[in-house]
Amino acid sequence: MPPTRQHLTALLQARSGTLEVTPYEVLLLALAAGDRSAVLEVRRGQLQKAIVFDGGAPVDCRSNIATEMLGRFLVSAGKVNEADVHAAFAVAASRGVPLGEILTERKLVTPTELYRALQQNLGRKLLEPFSWTSGTWSVSDDVPPLGSVLRVKVPQLLVTGIQKVEPQESVDAAVANVSGKYLAIQAEPPFALNELRLTAAQQKVVDAARAATSLDALRTTSGIDTDDLNRILYALLLLGIVETTLEPRREGPRPAPVEETPIEVPLATIEPTPRGAPAAPAEEVISAYLSCRRKDAFDLLGAVDTDGPVAIIKSYLWLSDRFLPSKFDEGAPDNLREKAQEMFLALARAYAELADPIRRDALIKRRKKLGEAATATAQAAPALIDPEALWKNGRTLAAAGKLREALSSFELAAESDAQNGTYAAEAAWCRYRLGVTPATTALKLLKNAIRIDPNAGVAYLYAGQVQGILGKRVEAEAYLDRAKKLLPADPRPAEAVKQLR
């Protein structure tokens, strides 16, 4: 049964606990349902993440995993090369600004590319803890000043995390007691169904719930793989969109949509100055939007603390006219008009702060303290865990016959990057070779690695070898053929095929 709102409220009041008792997805659900602004810290061994929520939505995630840093993400995505990232990082550190700002300044990526990369990287970081079956968590209301303009929708995050990363045994256990029941659409779900982008298989389950289909019938007629169906069921049940009943209960007729006359709300009431500035180009709007929450009033207006009132006013009038929302089309890509509006309002707040002598002096003192605090934080930063280096170390140890030491490296790499099928496959194969995991279990783990990453060649290689050991020659050859295509320079798939014959 999905947790009730009362249970979720009580959970957050507890402030801390273990992931064995309260899974990560339930914590996300509790913070989203309560529209909470808080920091959720999760730890598993050496791994740690601090996720910042604003009004129930994750907006930032800080971790000690090296591959989750923006620079490494951009290099792995082929957006920039490693040398340019290192050079930009040195400049960013010396100036105390985010790496992305230097990358766009040097035209290594456009602001639009940076914005999309930041969104993708944040989503990737938030998916990782779905794989953590043990560890600790704590919730704090001490939210740092928000520097991020990104927002992640928890309902979609939950569906994606459970579909891609959640361990299969956790999913199977969560839906173990629903057999023999009927599906139904929840009358008043806590989250609207239209908040989700459903795949064809997920939509099929929703349609089955609308038709009051039994779970047994769905399993035999849907054509959806059993493991995948369990994942879809768990996600929709947890979100309260779908529920199970003892008797069939069809969804009632949907009310006809009520057509309402749209209310025109002006985005801005300040008219352009007589010598109006041209509207900012799209890339400038996105660049300004990305940094507007991080910057203080002086930074937003491009001023220094020695500038007088005339210079401040001149800068404000020019910039506010440049970002005037009415100058941007409502249908522009990337919600450009909304981003311009955010910047326009930020400029107004900045001018109001600098126009007040008391608030201006307080800001100058605060800037000095923040600079000192940033230096102290940088000095106390924890050592990063690099899953790629761990994987390489594991390969070296395995080649030397040190399988137990290799397994430790592979498992930590897989825990650090649960979306990397290669790391998961190496860990599963090493466990099998050590006799820790039987062949059937190893095969299931390898299939899961392929589900995570369909291009993980070693997962197909090891799955083919295990199938051969189990005497399933046809299945083994299919896996090994795929491995040969994904690993054209690796002789192991061809050697494994010869051993089968």
Protein backbone atom coordinates (compact mmCIF):
# COMPACT_ATOMS: atom_id res chain seq x y z
CA MET A 1 0.00 0.00 0.00
CA PRO A 2 1.34 3.51 -0.79
CA PRO A 3 2.09 5.67 2.25
CA THR A 4 -0.70 7.96 3.42
CA ARG A 5 -0.29 11.73 3.70
CA GLN A 6 -0.28 11.36 7.51
CA HIS A 7 2.53 8.81 7.26
CA LEU A 8 4.56 11.09 4.99
CA THR A 9 4.09 14.02 7.38
CA ALA A 10 5.19 11.92 10.36
CA LEU A 11 8.17 10.71 8.39
CA LEU A 12 9.53 14.23 7.88
CA GLN A 13 8.92 15.08 11.52
CA ALA A 14 11.25 12.23 12.45
CA ARG A 15 14.06 14.15 10.70
CA SER A 16 16.33 11.12 10.17
CA GLY A 17 16.38 7.37 9.64
CA THR A 18 17.72 4.57 7.46
CA LEU A 19 17.13 3.82 3.80
CA GLU A 20 16.38 0.20 4.68
CA VAL A 21 13.25 1.36 6.54
CA THR A 22 12.40 4.41 4.41
CA PRO A 23 13.48 4.12 0.75
CA TYR A 24 14.73 7.14 -1.14
CA GLU A 25 11.62 7.28 -3.35
CA VAL A 26 9.37 7.59 -0.29
CA LEU A 27 11.48 10.48 1.00
CA LEU A 28 11.11 12.26 -2.35
CA LEU A 29 7.37 11.66 -2.21
CA ALA A 30 7.10 13.07 1.32
CA LEU A 31 8.98 16.28 0.47
CA ALA A 32 7.00 16.79 -2.75
CA ALA A 33 3.61 16.10 -1.15
CA GLY A 34 4.40 18.56 1.64
CA ASP A 35 5.70 21.27 -0.74
CA ARG A 36 8.72 21.41 1.55
CA SER A 37 11.76 23.62 1.24
CA ALA A 38 14.49 21.58 2.89
CA VAL A 39 17.79 19.76 2.41
CA LEU A 40 17.69 15.97 2.18
CA GLU A 41 21.03 14.33 2.94
CA VAL A 42 21.52 10.67 2.02
CA ARG A 43 24.62 8.62 2.76
CA ARG A 44 25.74 5.13 1.81
CA GLY A 45 29.21 4.22 3.02
CA GLN A 46 31.62 6.74 1.51
CA LEU A 47 28.97 8.17 -0.82
CA GLN A 48 26.99 11.25 0.16
CA LYS A 49 24.48 13.57 -1.48
CA ALA A 50 22.75 16.73 -0.30
CA ILE A 51 19.58 17.49 -2.29
CA VAL A 52 18.08 20.97 -1.98
CA PHE A 53 14.28 21.24 -2.30
CA ASP A 54 12.36 24.43 -2.99
CA GLY A 55 8.58 24.14 -2.55
CA GLY A 56 8.71 20.36 -2.91
CA ALA A 57 10.88 20.34 -6.05
CA PRO A 58 14.59 19.39 -6.16
CA VAL A 59 16.62 22.32 -7.44
CA ASP A 60 20.18 21.29 -6.62
CA CYS A 61 22.18 18.20 -5.68
CA ARG A 62 25.70 18.21 -4.27
CA SER A 63 27.71 15.02 -3.97
CA ASN A 64 31.25 13.71 -3.53
CA ILE A 65 31.14 11.68 -6.77
CA ALA A 66 33.63 13.02 -9.32
CA THR A 67 31.70 12.00 -12.43
CA GLU A 68 28.72 14.08 -11.29
CA MET A 69 30.70 17.31 -11.56
CA LEU A 70 29.58 19.48 -14.48
CA GLY A 71 32.98 19.41 -16.19
CA ARG A 72 33.17 15.61 -16.23
CA PHE A 73 29.58 15.41 -17.43
CA LEU A 74 30.25 17.76 -20.35
CA VAL A 75 33.41 15.87 -21.32
CA SER A 76 31.61 12.50 -21.24
CA ALA A 77 28.82 13.99 -23.38
CA GLY A 78 31.37 15.19 -25.94
CA LYS A 79 30.49 18.86 -25.46
CA VAL A 80 34.01 20.02 -24.46
CA ASN A 81 37.45 18.46 -24.17
CA GLU A 82 39.19 17.74 -20.90
CA ALA A 83 41.97 20.31 -21.37
CA ASP A 84 39.47 23.15 -21.89
CA VAL A 85 37.53 22.08 -18.78
CA HIS A 86 40.68 22.05 -16.62
CA ALA A 87 41.68 25.51 -17.87
CA ALA A 88 38.18 26.91 -17.32
CA PHE A 89 37.96 25.33 -13.87
CA ALA A 90 41.17 27.07 -12.77
CA VAL A 91 39.76 30.43 -13.86
CA ALA A 92 36.38 29.72 -12.21
CA ALA A 93 38.09 28.81 -8.92
CA SER A 94 40.25 31.94 -8.94
CA ARG A 95 37.26 34.19 -9.64
CA GLY A 96 34.82 32.35 -7.38
CA VAL A 97 32.22 31.80 -10.11
CA PRO A 98 30.58 28.60 -11.46
CA LEU A 99 32.44 26.63 -14.12
CA GLY A 100 29.56 27.03 -16.57
CA GLU A 101 29.95 30.79 -16.55
CA ILE A 102 33.57 30.52 -17.71
CA LEU A 103 32.69 27.92 -20.34
CA THR A 104 30.07 30.20 -21.89
CA GLU A 105 32.33 33.22 -21.53
CA ARG A 106 34.99 31.37 -23.55
CA LYS A 107 32.33 30.23 -26.05
CA LEU A 108 33.10 26.56 -25.40
CA VAL A 109 29.35 25.98 -24.95
CA THR A 110 26.39 28.24 -25.61
CA PRO A 111 24.14 29.31 -22.72
CA THR A 112 21.37 27.13 -24.17
CA GLU A 113 23.70 24.10 -24.27
CA LEU A 114 24.78 24.83 -20.72
CA TYR A 115 21.20 25.14 -19.49
CA ARG A 116 20.24 21.79 -20.99
CA ALA A 117 23.41 20.12 -19.68
CA LEU A 118 22.69 21.43 -16.18
CA GLN A 119 19.16 20.00 -16.37
CA GLN A 120 20.41 16.61 -17.57
CA ASN A 121 23.20 16.45 -14.99
CA LEU A 122 20.86 17.34 -12.14
CA GLY A 123 18.43 14.62 -13.23
CA ARG A 124 21.25 12.08 -13.42
CA LYS A 125 22.49 12.95 -9.92
CA LEU A 126 19.00 12.60 -8.48
CA LEU A 127 18.53 9.13 -10.00
CA GLU A 128 21.57 7.59 -8.31
CA PRO A 129 20.13 6.99 -4.79
CA PHE A 130 17.27 4.90 -6.21
CA SER A 131 19.84 2.09 -6.29
CA TRP A 132 20.82 2.48 -2.62
CA THR A 133 19.20 -0.26 -0.55
CA SER A 134 21.01 0.74 2.63
CA GLY A 135 22.35 3.93 4.19
CA THR A 136 21.08 6.83 6.25
CA TRP A 137 19.05 9.96 5.60
CA SER A 138 18.31 13.23 7.36
CA VAL A 139 16.18 16.27 6.59
CA SER A 140 17.12 19.83 7.55
CA ASP A 141 15.14 23.04 7.19
CA ASP A 142 18.39 25.02 7.02
CA VAL A 143 18.16 25.69 3.29
CA PRO A 144 21.09 27.58 1.75
CA PRO A 145 20.45 30.60 -0.49
CA LEU A 146 19.14 29.26 -3.78
CA GLY A 147 21.54 29.76 -6.64
CA SER A 148 19.84 27.38 -9.05
CA VAL A 149 16.96 28.15 -11.39
CA LEU A 150 16.47 24.46 -12.23
CA ARG A 151 13.45 22.50 -11.00
CA VAL A 152 12.74 18.77 -11.26
CA LYS A 153 9.21 17.36 -11.12
CA VAL A 154 9.16 14.63 -8.48
CA PRO A 155 6.39 12.50 -10.10
CA GLN A 156 8.39 12.10 -13.31
CA LEU A 157 11.60 11.60 -11.33
CA LEU A 158 9.97 8.77 -9.36
CA VAL A 159 8.70 7.00 -12.48
CA THR A 160 12.07 7.30 -14.22
CA GLY A 161 14.09 6.25 -11.16
CA ILE A 162 11.96 3.19 -10.44
CA GLN A 163 11.91 2.23 -14.12
CA LYS A 164 15.66 2.60 -14.66
CA VAL A 165 17.62 2.35 -11.41
CA GLU A 166 15.60 0.78 -8.56
CA PRO A 167 16.91 -2.74 -7.73
CA GLN A 168 14.57 -5.39 -9.10
CA GLU A 169 14.31 -7.23 -5.78
CA SER A 170 13.08 -4.02 -4.09
CA VAL A 171 10.44 -3.54 -6.78
CA ASP A 172 9.28 -7.16 -6.64
CA ALA A 173 8.97 -7.01 -2.84
CA ALA A 174 6.93 -3.79 -3.05
CA VAL A 175 4.28 -5.34 -5.32
CA ALA A 176 4.38 -8.88 -3.91
CA ASN A 177 0.92 -8.61 -2.32
CA VAL A 178 -1.07 -7.22 -5.25
CA SER A 179 -1.65 -10.47 -7.15
CA GLY A 180 -5.31 -11.45 -7.56
CA LYS A 181 -6.51 -7.86 -7.25
CA TYR A 182 -7.94 -5.37 -9.74
CA LEU A 183 -6.45 -2.08 -10.88
CA ALA A 184 -8.35 1.20 -10.57
CA ILE A 185 -7.64 4.89 -11.06
CA GLN A 186 -7.41 6.76 -7.77
CA ALA A 187 -10.32 9.19 -7.46
CA GLU A 188 -8.25 12.05 -6.00
CA PRO A 189 -4.57 11.32 -6.62
CA PRO A 190 -2.00 13.52 -4.88
CA PHE A 191 -0.32 14.08 -8.25
CA ALA A 192 -2.08 14.63 -11.55
CA LEU A 193 -1.58 12.08 -14.28
CA ASN A 194 -0.82 14.82 -16.78
CA GLU A 195 2.37 15.60 -14.84
CA LEU A 196 3.88 12.42 -16.31
CA ARG A 197 5.28 11.65 -19.75
CA LEU A 198 4.20 8.03 -20.06
CA THR A 199 5.79 5.40 -22.28
CA ALA A 200 3.56 3.11 -24.33
CA ALA A 201 3.89 0.34 -21.71
CA GLN A 202 3.09 2.73 -18.84
CA GLN A 203 0.05 4.07 -20.70
CA LYS A 204 -1.12 0.50 -21.24
CA VAL A 205 -1.15 -0.05 -17.45
CA VAL A 206 -3.08 3.20 -16.90
CA ASP A 207 -5.62 2.16 -19.53
CA ALA A 208 -5.96 -1.22 -17.82
CA ALA A 209 -6.69 0.55 -14.54
CA ARG A 210 -9.38 2.64 -16.21
CA ALA A 211 -10.96 -0.58 -17.49
CA ALA A 212 -10.76 -2.24 -14.04
CA THR A 213 -8.54 -5.03 -15.39
CA SER A 214 -7.30 -7.68 -12.97
CA LEU A 215 -3.57 -7.86 -12.40
CA ASP A 216 -3.51 -11.51 -13.36
CA ALA A 217 -5.13 -10.72 -16.71
CA LEU A 218 -2.79 -7.79 -17.26
CA ARG A 219 0.26 -9.98 -16.69
CA THR A 220 -0.89 -12.57 -19.25
CA THR A 221 -2.27 -10.27 -21.96
CA SER A 222 -0.28 -7.02 -21.83
CA GLY A 223 2.88 -8.33 -23.49
CA ILE A 224 4.92 -6.32 -20.97
CA ASP A 225 7.95 -8.06 -19.47
CA THR A 226 7.20 -9.18 -15.90
CA ASP A 227 10.03 -7.19 -14.34
CA ASP A 228 9.10 -4.04 -16.28
CA LEU A 229 5.43 -4.44 -15.36
CA ASN A 230 6.33 -4.65 -11.67
CA ARG A 231 8.34 -1.44 -12.00
CA ILE A 232 5.45 0.40 -13.66
CA LEU A 233 2.99 -0.85 -11.05
CA TYR A 234 5.23 0.16 -8.16
CA ALA A 235 5.71 3.70 -9.52
CA LEU A 236 2.01 4.31 -10.23
CA LEU A 237 0.92 2.80 -6.90
CA LEU A 238 3.48 4.83 -4.96
CA LEU A 239 2.33 8.06 -6.62
CA GLY A 240 -1.28 7.22 -5.73
CA ILE A 241 -2.36 7.48 -9.37
CA VAL A 242 -3.36 3.81 -9.50
CA GLU A 243 -4.72 1.66 -6.67
CA THR A 244 -5.73 -1.98 -6.23
CA THR A 245 -9.20 -3.19 -5.30
CA LEU A 246 -10.74 -6.55 -4.39
CA GLU A 247 -13.61 -6.01 -6.85
CA PRO A 248 -13.50 -4.39 -10.31
CA ARG A 249 -14.23 -0.65 -10.20
CA ARG A 250 -14.32 1.20 -13.47
CA GLU A 251 -13.45 4.86 -13.74
CA GLY A 252 -16.54 7.05 -13.86
CA PRO A 253 -17.28 9.34 -16.80
CA ARG A 254 -14.93 12.27 -17.03
CA PRO A 255 -16.56 15.68 -16.70
CA ALA A 256 -16.63 17.74 -19.85
CA PRO A 257 -13.95 20.42 -19.84
CA VAL A 258 -15.24 23.86 -18.91
CA GLU A 259 -14.17 26.51 -21.32
CA GLU A 260 -13.06 29.60 -19.49
CA THR A 261 -12.24 32.98 -20.87
CA PRO A 262 -8.51 33.44 -20.37
CA ILE A 263 -7.56 36.31 -18.12
CA GLU A 264 -4.88 38.50 -19.56
CA VAL A 265 -2.25 39.25 -16.92
CA PRO A 266 0.37 41.77 -18.04
CA LEU A 267 3.89 40.53 -17.43
CA ALA A 268 5.22 44.04 -17.01
CA THR A 269 3.79 47.47 -16.40
CA ILE A 270 6.94 49.50 -16.96
CA GLU A 271 7.14 50.94 -20.43
CA PRO A 272 10.43 51.10 -22.31
CA THR A 273 12.53 54.20 -21.76
CA PRO A 274 12.34 56.80 -24.55
CA ARG A 275 15.69 55.65 -25.92
CA GLY A 276 14.77 52.01 -25.43
CA ALA A 277 17.48 49.37 -25.47
CA PRO A 278 17.10 46.48 -27.92
CA ALA A 279 15.77 43.21 -26.52
CA ALA A 280 18.52 40.91 -25.29
CA PRO A 281 19.37 38.02 -27.64
CA ALA A 282 18.06 34.58 -26.63
CA GLU A 283 21.47 33.28 -25.52
CA GLU A 284 22.00 36.37 -23.34
CA VAL A 285 18.59 35.87 -21.71
CA ILE A 286 19.33 32.23 -20.87
CA SER A 287 22.81 33.09 -19.60
CA ALA A 288 21.42 35.83 -17.35
CA TYR A 289 18.61 33.57 -16.17
CA LEU A 290 21.02 30.81 -15.15
CA SER A 291 23.02 33.15 -12.94
CA CYS A 292 20.36 35.57 -11.62
CA ARG A 293 19.73 33.72 -8.34
CA ARG A 294 23.43 33.34 -7.63
CA LYS A 295 24.24 37.02 -8.12
CA ASP A 296 23.63 39.76 -5.59
CA ALA A 297 22.34 43.24 -6.40
CA PHE A 298 25.74 44.63 -7.44
CA ASP A 299 26.44 41.68 -9.74
CA LEU A 300 22.99 41.80 -11.34
CA LEU A 301 23.35 45.45 -12.25
CA GLY A 302 27.00 45.11 -13.28
CA ALA A 303 27.99 47.61 -10.59
CA VAL A 304 30.72 47.86 -7.97
CA ASP A 305 30.29 49.04 -4.38
CA THR A 306 31.88 52.42 -5.19
CA ASP A 307 29.32 53.32 -7.89
CA GLY A 308 27.10 56.28 -7.08
CA PRO A 309 23.30 56.62 -7.51
CA VAL A 310 23.51 57.99 -11.07
CA ALA A 311 25.54 55.04 -12.33
CA ILE A 312 23.20 52.58 -10.55
CA ILE A 313 20.07 54.16 -12.06
CA LYS A 314 21.58 54.27 -15.55
CA SER A 315 22.54 50.60 -15.40
CA TYR A 316 19.12 49.59 -14.06
CA LEU A 317 17.15 51.45 -16.73
CA TRP A 318 19.26 50.01 -19.54
CA LEU A 319 19.10 46.41 -18.31
CA SER A 320 15.43 46.42 -17.31
CA ASP A 321 14.49 47.70 -20.75
CA ARG A 322 16.71 45.06 -22.35
CA PHE A 323 14.88 42.26 -20.47
CA LEU A 324 11.39 43.78 -20.67
CA PRO A 325 9.15 40.68 -20.98
CA SER A 326 6.78 42.24 -23.52
CA LYS A 327 9.65 42.34 -26.02
CA PHE A 328 9.71 38.54 -26.20
CA ASP A 329 7.22 36.29 -27.96
CA GLU A 330 5.11 34.04 -25.75
CA GLY A 331 5.81 31.07 -28.02
CA ALA A 332 9.59 31.53 -28.12
CA PRO A 333 11.66 28.34 -27.53
CA ASP A 334 12.90 27.46 -24.02
CA ASN A 335 10.18 29.63 -22.40
CA LEU A 336 12.28 32.68 -23.23
CA ARG A 337 9.63 35.19 -22.14
CA GLU A 338 9.35 33.62 -18.67
CA LYS A 339 13.12 33.69 -18.29
CA ALA A 340 13.21 37.37 -19.31
CA GLN A 341 10.48 38.09 -16.76
CA GLU A 342 12.50 36.39 -14.02
CA MET A 343 15.51 38.53 -14.90
CA PHE A 344 13.39 41.69 -15.15
CA LEU A 345 12.00 41.18 -11.63
CA ALA A 346 15.46 40.35 -10.26
CA LEU A 347 16.78 43.64 -11.63
CA ALA A 348 13.94 45.55 -9.96
CA ARG A 349 14.72 43.91 -6.61
CA ALA A 350 18.41 44.66 -7.07
CA TYR A 351 17.77 48.34 -7.75
CA ALA A 352 15.48 48.62 -4.71
CA GLU A 353 18.20 47.15 -2.51
CA LEU A 354 20.96 49.45 -3.76
CA ALA A 355 18.73 52.53 -3.63
CA ASP A 356 18.35 52.04 0.12
CA PRO A 357 21.59 53.17 1.89
CA ILE A 358 21.06 50.88 4.89
CA ARG A 359 20.41 47.79 2.76
CA ARG A 360 23.32 48.69 0.47
CA ASP A 361 25.79 48.91 3.38
CA ALA A 362 24.50 45.62 4.77
CA LEU A 363 25.04 43.98 1.37
CA ILE A 364 28.63 45.22 1.18
CA LYS A 365 29.38 43.67 4.61
CA ARG A 366 27.62 40.45 3.61
CA ARG A 367 29.68 40.17 0.41
CA LYS A 368 32.87 40.28 2.46
CA LYS A 369 31.66 37.55 4.87
CA LEU A 370 30.49 35.32 2.01
CA GLY A 371 33.92 35.57 0.38
CA GLU A 372 35.60 34.43 3.58
CA ALA A 373 33.08 31.60 4.04
CA ALA A 374 33.60 30.39 0.44
CA THR A 375 37.35 30.11 1.04
CA ALA A 376 36.80 28.08 4.22
CA THR A 377 34.30 25.79 2.48
CA ALA A 378 36.68 25.11 -0.39
CA GLN A 379 39.43 24.18 2.05
CA ALA A 380 37.12 21.76 3.90
CA ALA A 381 35.67 20.09 0.78
CA PRO A 382 35.58 16.26 1.07
CA ALA A 383 37.67 14.06 -1.21
CA LEU A 384 35.85 13.06 -4.38
CA ILE A 385 35.08 9.46 -5.30
CA ASP A 386 35.85 8.71 -8.95
CA PRO A 387 33.92 5.67 -10.27
CA GLU A 388 35.87 5.62 -13.52
CA ALA A 389 39.17 5.37 -11.64
CA LEU A 390 37.69 2.66 -9.41
CA TRP A 391 36.58 0.66 -12.47
CA LYS A 392 40.04 0.91 -14.06
CA ASN A 393 41.63 -0.18 -10.78
CA GLY A 394 39.22 -3.13 -10.62
CA ARG A 395 40.17 -4.20 -14.14
CA THR A 396 43.85 -4.13 -13.22
CA LEU A 397 43.27 -6.14 -10.05
CA ALA A 398 41.08 -8.69 -11.85
CA ALA A 399 43.72 -9.18 -14.56
CA ALA A 400 46.25 -9.88 -11.79
CA GLY A 401 43.94 -12.50 -10.28
CA LYS A 402 43.07 -10.40 -7.23
CA LEU A 403 39.32 -10.88 -7.57
CA ARG A 404 38.28 -9.94 -4.02
CA GLU A 405 40.10 -6.61 -4.20
CA ALA A 406 38.70 -6.09 -7.71
CA LEU A 407 35.17 -6.75 -6.49
CA SER A 408 35.47 -3.98 -3.88
CA SER A 409 36.48 -1.49 -6.58
CA PHE A 410 33.77 -2.63 -9.01
CA GLU A 411 31.02 -2.50 -6.38
CA LEU A 412 31.95 1.00 -5.20
CA ALA A 413 32.12 2.15 -8.83
CA ALA A 414 28.65 0.67 -9.46
CA GLU A 415 27.24 2.29 -6.32
CA SER A 416 28.74 5.64 -7.32
CA ASP A 417 27.26 5.48 -10.82
CA ALA A 418 24.26 3.14 -10.82
CA GLN A 419 23.38 4.21 -14.37
CA ASN A 420 26.56 2.71 -15.81
CA GLY A 421 25.84 -0.81 -17.02
CA THR A 422 29.54 -1.62 -17.46
CA TYR A 423 30.33 -1.12 -13.78
CA ALA A 424 27.31 -3.20 -12.73
CA ALA A 425 28.28 -5.99 -15.15
CA GLU A 426 31.88 -6.12 -13.93
CA ALA A 427 30.67 -6.39 -10.32
CA ALA A 428 28.18 -9.16 -11.18
CA TRP A 429 30.75 -11.17 -13.16
CA CYS A 430 33.36 -10.81 -10.43
CA ARG A 431 30.88 -12.00 -7.81
CA TYR A 432 30.09 -15.04 -9.97
CA ARG A 433 33.77 -15.87 -10.49
CA LEU A 434 34.33 -15.71 -6.73
CA GLY A 435 31.40 -18.04 -6.12
CA VAL A 436 29.56 -15.37 -4.13
CA THR A 437 26.65 -15.30 -6.60
CA PRO A 438 25.19 -18.37 -8.37
CA ALA A 439 24.87 -18.40 -12.16
CA THR A 440 21.12 -17.74 -12.25
CA THR A 441 21.44 -14.71 -9.95
CA ALA A 442 24.44 -13.41 -11.87
CA LEU A 443 22.45 -13.67 -15.11
CA LYS A 444 19.63 -11.62 -13.61
CA LEU A 445 22.12 -8.97 -12.48
CA LEU A 446 23.67 -8.89 -15.95
CA LYS A 447 20.27 -8.54 -17.62
CA ASN A 448 19.61 -5.64 -15.27
CA ALA A 449 22.90 -4.04 -16.35
CA ILE A 450 21.74 -4.33 -19.97
CA ARG A 451 18.41 -2.73 -19.04
CA ILE A 452 20.29 0.15 -17.44
CA ASP A 453 22.62 0.57 -20.41
CA PRO A 454 21.72 -1.30 -23.65
CA ASN A 455 25.19 -0.45 -25.05
CA ALA A 456 27.19 -2.03 -22.22
CA GLY A 457 29.11 -4.57 -24.29
CA VAL A 458 30.68 -6.43 -21.35
CA ALA A 459 27.21 -7.06 -19.90
CA TYR A 460 26.29 -8.99 -23.08
CA LEU A 461 29.67 -10.75 -23.02
CA TYR A 462 29.33 -11.98 -19.46
CA ALA A 463 25.61 -12.81 -19.90
CA GLY A 464 26.53 -14.93 -22.92
CA GLN A 465 29.19 -16.76 -20.95
CA VAL A 466 26.77 -17.45 -18.08
CA GLN A 467 24.11 -18.69 -20.51
CA GLY A 468 26.70 -21.05 -21.96
CA ILE A 469 27.54 -22.36 -18.48
CA LEU A 470 23.82 -22.95 -17.89
CA GLY A 471 23.69 -24.96 -21.13
CA LYS A 472 21.56 -22.44 -23.05
CA ARG A 473 23.57 -22.32 -26.25
CA VAL A 474 21.10 -20.41 -28.46
CA GLU A 475 20.67 -17.63 -25.87
CA ALA A 476 24.43 -17.56 -25.28
CA GLU A 477 25.20 -17.04 -28.97
CA ALA A 478 22.65 -14.22 -29.22
CA TYR A 479 24.27 -12.35 -26.33
CA LEU A 480 27.79 -12.95 -27.63
CA ASP A 481 26.86 -11.78 -31.14
CA ARG A 482 25.63 -8.53 -29.63
CA ALA A 483 28.82 -8.26 -27.56
CA LYS A 484 30.95 -8.62 -30.74
CA LYS A 485 29.12 -5.69 -32.32
CA LEU A 486 29.49 -3.48 -29.25
CA LEU A 487 33.12 -4.51 -28.58
CA PRO A 488 34.66 -4.78 -32.08
CA ALA A 489 38.25 -4.53 -30.78
CA ASP A 490 37.77 -6.99 -27.91
CA PRO A 491 38.71 -10.61 -28.76
CA ARG A 492 36.80 -12.10 -25.81
CA PRO A 493 33.35 -12.41 -27.46
CA ALA A 494 34.79 -14.37 -30.41
CA GLU A 495 36.77 -16.61 -28.04
CA ALA A 496 33.63 -17.28 -26.01
CA VAL A 497 31.73 -18.28 -29.16
CA LYS A 498 34.51 -20.76 -30.05
CA GLN A 499 34.27 -22.30 -26.59
CA LEU A 500 30.54 -22.89 -27.12
CA ARG A 501 31.30 -24.89 -30.26
